[in-house]
Amino acid sequence: MLPATFKLCAAISYRHLRNMTGLRRQAAVTISQELSKFACHSTGPSTWINQVRRRSSLLSSRLEEKPFSEMEMSYVKQGEEALQKSLGILGDQDGWKTETVVDNGDKVLSKVLPDVGKVFRLEVVVDQPLDAVYSELVDNMEQMGDWNPNVKEVKILQKIGKDTVITHEKAAATPGNIVGPRDFVSVRCSKRRGSTCVLAGMSTKYGAMPEQEGFIRAENGPTCMILRPLPGSPSQTKLTWLLSIDLKGWLPKTIINQVLSQTQVDFANHLRGRLAR
């Protein structure tokens, strides 16, 4: 069935068929049905990562009623790139070392990648259903500064379609001003298929948001959060957060590593508190 589906999508790409609304709608429905079949099978990490890879495709952008501009399409591709790179990192189970393990089971792992540097991986279970966690992290992302003391502000600069946004984030200074105020301009891509959600992102350039006075423009990515219902307990959510950040400035690596791993642990606690309220 999938080969026929992709032929149908290829037909839409021809100029003389692009305006055939019925054909476009039929392609969307067919793809949705095929992806739903994948959502019924889930085993180990490699399985669901491969499923998300297959489901995540720029075909969705071809189904938009309003075509993207060249600049918008470049941001969509950047978000897709961040997603694919993040899943590739998480899919490799070798080389991870334990940084922190908390009494409640939360843990932070890390590994060093030749082309990225040191990345951190948070694994936690949140006692809330996936929909609640997804809504807080995606639909209400601009409110993150209200409940996470490590974040001063998150502002959506531009929305592109239903999956991609450009954001500006201001990070609060750490206690004792060990790490001064940083800010980020990021492209974020959210994909939700079946019972798996992936929120990926990376730093980008955005002309309307130049460097801000009083902040060092840091860089992040590839980074992502993956949400899945805890097997056997749909009222709980397994959250995996891949964090990759270059804070810039003159900072010892030991301090950076301590700050980033603690930031992930704190995030999980603050998220739980927010959801509980």
Protein backbone atom coordinates (compact mmCIF):
# COMPACT_ATOMS: atom_id res chain seq x y z
CA MET A 1 0.00 0.00 0.00
CA LEU A 2 2.82 2.44 0.83
CA PRO A 3 4.32 2.45 -2.70
CA ALA A 4 0.92 3.42 -4.10
CA THR A 5 0.62 6.13 -1.47
CA PHE A 6 3.97 7.68 -2.37
CA LYS A 7 3.04 7.60 -6.06
CA LEU A 8 -0.08 9.53 -5.16
CA CYS A 9 2.00 12.10 -3.27
CA ALA A 10 4.41 12.34 -6.18
CA ALA A 11 1.49 13.14 -8.45
CA ILE A 12 0.54 16.07 -6.23
CA SER A 13 4.01 17.54 -6.70
CA TYR A 14 3.30 18.12 -10.42
CA ARG A 15 2.11 21.67 -10.99
CA HIS A 16 -1.01 20.75 -12.95
CA LEU A 17 -2.27 18.55 -10.11
CA ARG A 18 -1.41 20.71 -7.10
CA ASN A 19 -4.76 22.43 -7.06
CA MET A 20 -6.77 19.21 -6.99
CA THR A 21 -8.04 19.45 -3.42
CA GLY A 22 -9.68 16.04 -3.47
CA LEU A 23 -6.46 14.33 -4.49
CA ARG A 24 -4.52 16.16 -1.78
CA ARG A 25 -7.08 15.17 0.84
CA GLN A 26 -7.06 11.56 -0.33
CA ALA A 27 -3.26 11.44 -0.01
CA ALA A 28 -3.41 12.83 3.52
CA VAL A 29 -6.04 10.29 4.58
CA THR A 30 -4.10 7.41 3.04
CA ILE A 31 -0.85 8.41 4.73
CA SER A 32 -2.64 8.77 8.06
CA GLN A 33 -4.07 5.27 7.75
CA GLU A 34 -0.68 3.78 6.93
CA LEU A 35 1.05 5.55 9.84
CA SER A 36 -1.63 4.37 12.25
CA LYS A 37 -0.64 0.79 11.43
CA PHE A 38 2.92 1.50 12.56
CA ALA A 39 1.69 2.90 15.89
CA CYS A 40 0.25 -0.50 16.82
CA HIS A 41 3.73 -2.07 17.12
CA SER A 42 6.21 -0.95 19.78
CA THR A 43 9.06 -2.84 21.43
CA GLY A 44 12.56 -1.59 22.18
CA PRO A 45 14.12 1.86 21.60
CA SER A 46 15.37 1.00 18.10
CA THR A 47 11.85 0.05 17.04
CA TRP A 48 10.07 3.24 18.02
CA ILE A 49 12.93 5.44 16.85
CA ASN A 50 12.75 3.85 13.41
CA GLN A 51 8.98 4.27 13.42
CA VAL A 52 9.28 7.99 14.14
CA ARG A 53 11.87 8.31 11.41
CA ARG A 54 9.54 6.73 8.89
CA ARG A 55 6.60 8.83 10.00
CA SER A 56 8.59 12.08 10.08
CA SER A 57 8.68 13.35 6.52
CA LEU A 58 8.59 16.56 4.58
CA LEU A 59 5.66 15.10 2.65
CA SER A 60 3.41 16.75 5.22
CA SER A 61 4.59 20.17 4.03
CA ARG A 62 3.40 19.34 0.51
CA LEU A 63 -0.13 18.89 1.87
CA GLU A 64 -0.32 22.41 3.30
CA GLU A 65 -3.01 24.52 1.67
CA LYS A 66 -0.64 27.49 1.66
CA PRO A 67 2.79 26.71 0.15
CA PHE A 68 5.86 27.68 2.16
CA SER A 69 8.26 30.37 1.03
CA GLU A 70 11.87 29.43 0.35
CA MET A 71 12.92 30.79 3.75
CA GLU A 72 10.12 28.98 5.57
CA MET A 73 11.01 25.75 3.83
CA SER A 74 14.62 26.12 4.97
CA TYR A 75 13.42 26.33 8.60
CA VAL A 76 11.22 23.26 8.11
CA LYS A 77 14.25 21.36 6.79
CA GLN A 78 16.37 22.53 9.73
CA GLY A 79 13.77 21.21 12.17
CA GLU A 80 13.65 17.92 10.31
CA GLU A 81 17.44 17.72 10.39
CA ALA A 82 17.46 18.30 14.15
CA LEU A 83 14.90 15.53 14.60
CA GLN A 84 16.80 13.00 12.49
CA LYS A 85 20.16 13.77 14.13
CA SER A 86 18.66 13.54 17.61
CA LEU A 87 17.04 10.20 16.91
CA GLY A 88 20.32 8.94 15.48
CA ILE A 89 22.14 9.86 18.71
CA LEU A 90 19.51 8.31 20.96
CA GLY A 91 19.31 5.22 18.80
CA ASP A 92 22.96 4.39 19.50
CA GLN A 93 22.94 2.73 22.92
CA ASP A 94 26.73 2.40 23.20
CA GLY A 95 29.04 4.71 25.11
CA TRP A 96 26.59 6.33 27.53
CA LYS A 97 27.98 7.02 31.02
CA THR A 98 25.96 7.78 34.15
CA GLU A 99 26.21 11.38 35.38
CA THR A 100 23.47 11.49 38.01
CA VAL A 101 20.93 9.11 39.52
CA VAL A 102 18.21 10.49 41.80
CA ASP A 103 16.35 8.54 44.49
CA ASN A 104 13.09 8.73 42.52
CA GLY A 105 14.68 6.96 39.55
CA ASP A 106 15.50 10.02 37.43
CA LYS A 107 18.88 9.68 35.77
CA VAL A 108 21.18 11.67 33.53
CA LEU A 109 23.57 9.96 31.14
CA SER A 110 26.20 11.48 28.87
CA LYS A 111 28.50 10.67 25.99
CA VAL A 112 30.98 12.55 23.83
CA LEU A 113 30.36 12.69 20.08
CA PRO A 114 33.14 13.67 17.66
CA ASP A 115 31.05 16.14 15.64
CA VAL A 116 28.80 17.44 18.43
CA GLY A 117 30.70 17.35 21.72
CA LYS A 118 29.26 16.21 25.03
CA VAL A 119 25.55 15.48 25.06
CA PHE A 120 23.29 14.69 28.01
CA ARG A 121 20.34 12.33 28.19
CA LEU A 122 17.65 12.64 30.86
CA GLU A 123 15.33 9.69 31.46
CA VAL A 124 12.36 10.18 33.79
CA VAL A 125 8.83 8.98 34.39
CA VAL A 126 6.15 11.62 34.97
CA ASP A 127 2.95 10.68 36.79
CA GLN A 128 0.77 12.37 34.21
CA PRO A 129 -0.73 11.15 30.91
CA LEU A 130 1.07 11.98 27.70
CA ASP A 131 -1.55 14.51 26.55
CA ALA A 132 -0.99 16.63 29.66
CA VAL A 133 2.80 16.61 29.27
CA TYR A 134 2.61 17.32 25.53
CA SER A 135 0.21 20.22 26.05
CA GLU A 136 2.48 21.82 28.64
CA LEU A 137 5.65 21.49 26.57
CA VAL A 138 4.22 22.36 23.16
CA ASP A 139 0.91 24.22 23.41
CA ASN A 140 1.98 26.21 26.48
CA MET A 141 5.69 26.57 25.78
CA GLU A 142 5.59 30.35 26.21
CA GLN A 143 4.52 29.83 29.84
CA MET A 144 7.63 27.83 30.74
CA GLY A 145 9.18 30.82 32.43
CA ASP A 146 6.29 30.78 34.92
CA TRP A 147 7.27 27.41 36.40
CA ASN A 148 10.90 26.76 35.48
CA PRO A 149 13.29 29.09 37.35
CA ASN A 150 16.07 28.23 34.90
CA VAL A 151 14.08 29.85 32.09
CA LYS A 152 13.44 33.57 32.05
CA GLU A 153 11.30 33.72 28.93
CA VAL A 154 10.24 31.72 25.88
CA LYS A 155 8.71 33.63 22.99
CA ILE A 156 7.42 32.25 19.69
CA LEU A 157 8.76 34.47 16.90
CA GLN A 158 7.12 32.69 13.97
CA LYS A 159 4.92 29.67 13.30
CA ILE A 160 5.45 27.71 10.09
CA GLY A 161 2.71 25.23 9.35
CA LYS A 162 1.52 23.00 12.17
CA ASP A 163 4.86 21.41 13.12
CA THR A 164 7.54 24.13 13.07
CA VAL A 165 8.14 27.29 15.13
CA ILE A 166 10.99 29.75 15.59
CA THR A 167 11.55 30.68 19.24
CA HIS A 168 13.65 33.02 21.34
CA GLU A 169 14.56 31.70 24.77
CA LYS A 170 16.21 33.58 27.61
CA ALA A 171 17.91 31.46 30.25
CA ALA A 172 18.17 32.78 33.79
CA ALA A 173 21.57 33.24 35.38
CA THR A 174 22.67 30.36 37.60
CA PRO A 175 22.97 30.85 41.41
CA GLY A 176 26.04 32.91 42.19
CA ASN A 177 26.09 34.00 38.54
CA ILE A 178 28.47 31.13 37.77
CA VAL A 179 26.97 31.08 34.30
CA GLY A 180 25.64 34.47 33.24
CA PRO A 181 22.46 35.10 31.21
CA ARG A 182 22.28 33.27 27.89
CA ASP A 183 19.75 33.40 25.10
CA PHE A 184 18.97 31.15 22.14
CA VAL A 185 17.19 31.47 18.83
CA SER A 186 15.92 28.05 17.82
CA VAL A 187 13.86 26.25 15.23
CA ARG A 188 11.61 23.64 16.82
CA CYS A 189 9.88 20.73 15.16
CA SER A 190 7.11 18.73 16.86
CA LYS A 191 5.90 15.41 15.51
CA ARG A 192 3.11 13.39 17.06
CA ARG A 193 2.22 10.01 15.58
CA GLY A 194 0.22 7.45 17.50
CA SER A 195 1.55 7.09 21.03
CA THR A 196 4.96 8.68 20.37
CA CYS A 197 5.76 12.39 20.41
CA VAL A 198 9.09 13.95 19.43
CA LEU A 199 9.96 17.60 20.08
CA ALA A 200 13.24 18.43 18.35
CA GLY A 201 15.21 21.62 17.81
CA MET A 202 18.47 23.35 17.04
CA SER A 203 19.87 26.86 16.88
CA THR A 204 19.14 28.95 13.82
CA LYS A 205 19.58 32.45 12.42
CA TYR A 206 16.62 34.81 12.47
CA GLY A 207 17.11 38.34 11.19
CA ALA A 208 14.40 39.87 13.35
CA MET A 209 16.13 38.68 16.56
CA PRO A 210 19.75 39.88 16.64
CA GLU A 211 21.97 39.40 19.70
CA GLN A 212 20.51 41.05 22.80
CA GLU A 213 22.32 43.39 25.16
CA GLY A 214 23.14 41.72 28.47
CA PHE A 215 22.91 38.17 27.03
CA ILE A 216 25.47 35.87 25.43
CA ARG A 217 23.97 34.19 22.36
CA ALA A 218 24.50 30.48 22.99
CA GLU A 219 23.79 27.59 20.64
CA ASN A 220 21.88 24.37 21.13
CA GLY A 221 21.18 21.26 19.18
CA PRO A 222 20.55 18.85 17.98
CA THR A 223 18.25 18.40 20.94
CA CYS A 224 14.93 16.69 21.45
CA MET A 225 12.38 15.38 23.93
CA ILE A 226 10.60 12.10 23.32
CA LEU A 227 7.34 11.32 25.09
CA ARG A 228 5.75 7.88 25.28
CA PRO A 229 3.17 6.30 27.60
CA LEU A 230 4.88 4.10 30.17
CA PRO A 231 4.33 0.47 29.10
CA GLY A 232 1.49 -1.00 31.14
CA SER A 233 0.63 2.37 32.71
CA PRO A 234 -0.96 4.80 30.22
CA SER A 235 -1.52 7.37 32.99
CA GLN A 236 2.27 7.85 33.23
CA THR A 237 4.67 9.24 30.63
CA LYS A 238 8.26 8.25 29.89
CA LEU A 239 10.23 11.37 28.99
CA THR A 240 13.67 11.23 27.36
CA TRP A 241 15.48 14.54 26.86
CA LEU A 242 18.59 14.80 24.71
CA LEU A 243 20.44 18.03 25.55
CA SER A 244 23.30 19.47 23.50
CA ILE A 245 24.39 23.04 24.25
CA ASP A 246 27.35 25.28 23.57
CA LEU A 247 27.09 27.99 26.23
CA LYS A 248 29.87 30.08 24.63
CA GLY A 249 32.09 32.30 26.72
CA TRP A 250 35.03 31.23 28.90
CA LEU A 251 33.70 28.48 31.12
CA PRO A 252 35.54 25.41 32.48
CA LYS A 253 34.11 22.17 31.14
CA THR A 254 33.66 20.79 34.66
CA ILE A 255 31.34 23.67 35.54
CA ILE A 256 29.41 23.33 32.26
CA ASN A 257 28.88 19.60 32.83
CA GLN A 258 27.65 20.14 36.38
CA VAL A 259 25.29 22.92 35.36
CA LEU A 260 23.77 21.06 32.40
CA SER A 261 23.18 17.76 34.20
CA GLN A 262 21.66 19.58 37.20
CA THR A 263 19.51 21.67 34.87
CA GLN A 264 17.96 18.49 33.49
CA VAL A 265 17.24 17.08 36.94
CA ASP A 266 15.72 20.40 38.04
CA PHE A 267 13.60 20.54 34.89
CA ALA A 268 11.97 17.20 35.68
CA ASN A 269 11.09 18.34 39.20
CA HIS A 270 9.71 21.69 38.04
CA LEU A 271 7.65 19.98 35.33
CA ARG A 272 6.13 17.60 37.87
CA GLY A 273 5.24 20.53 40.10
CA ARG A 274 3.61 22.38 37.22
CA LEU A 275 1.55 19.39 36.12
CA ALA A 276 0.48 18.64 39.68
CA ARG A 277 -1.02 22.12 39.91
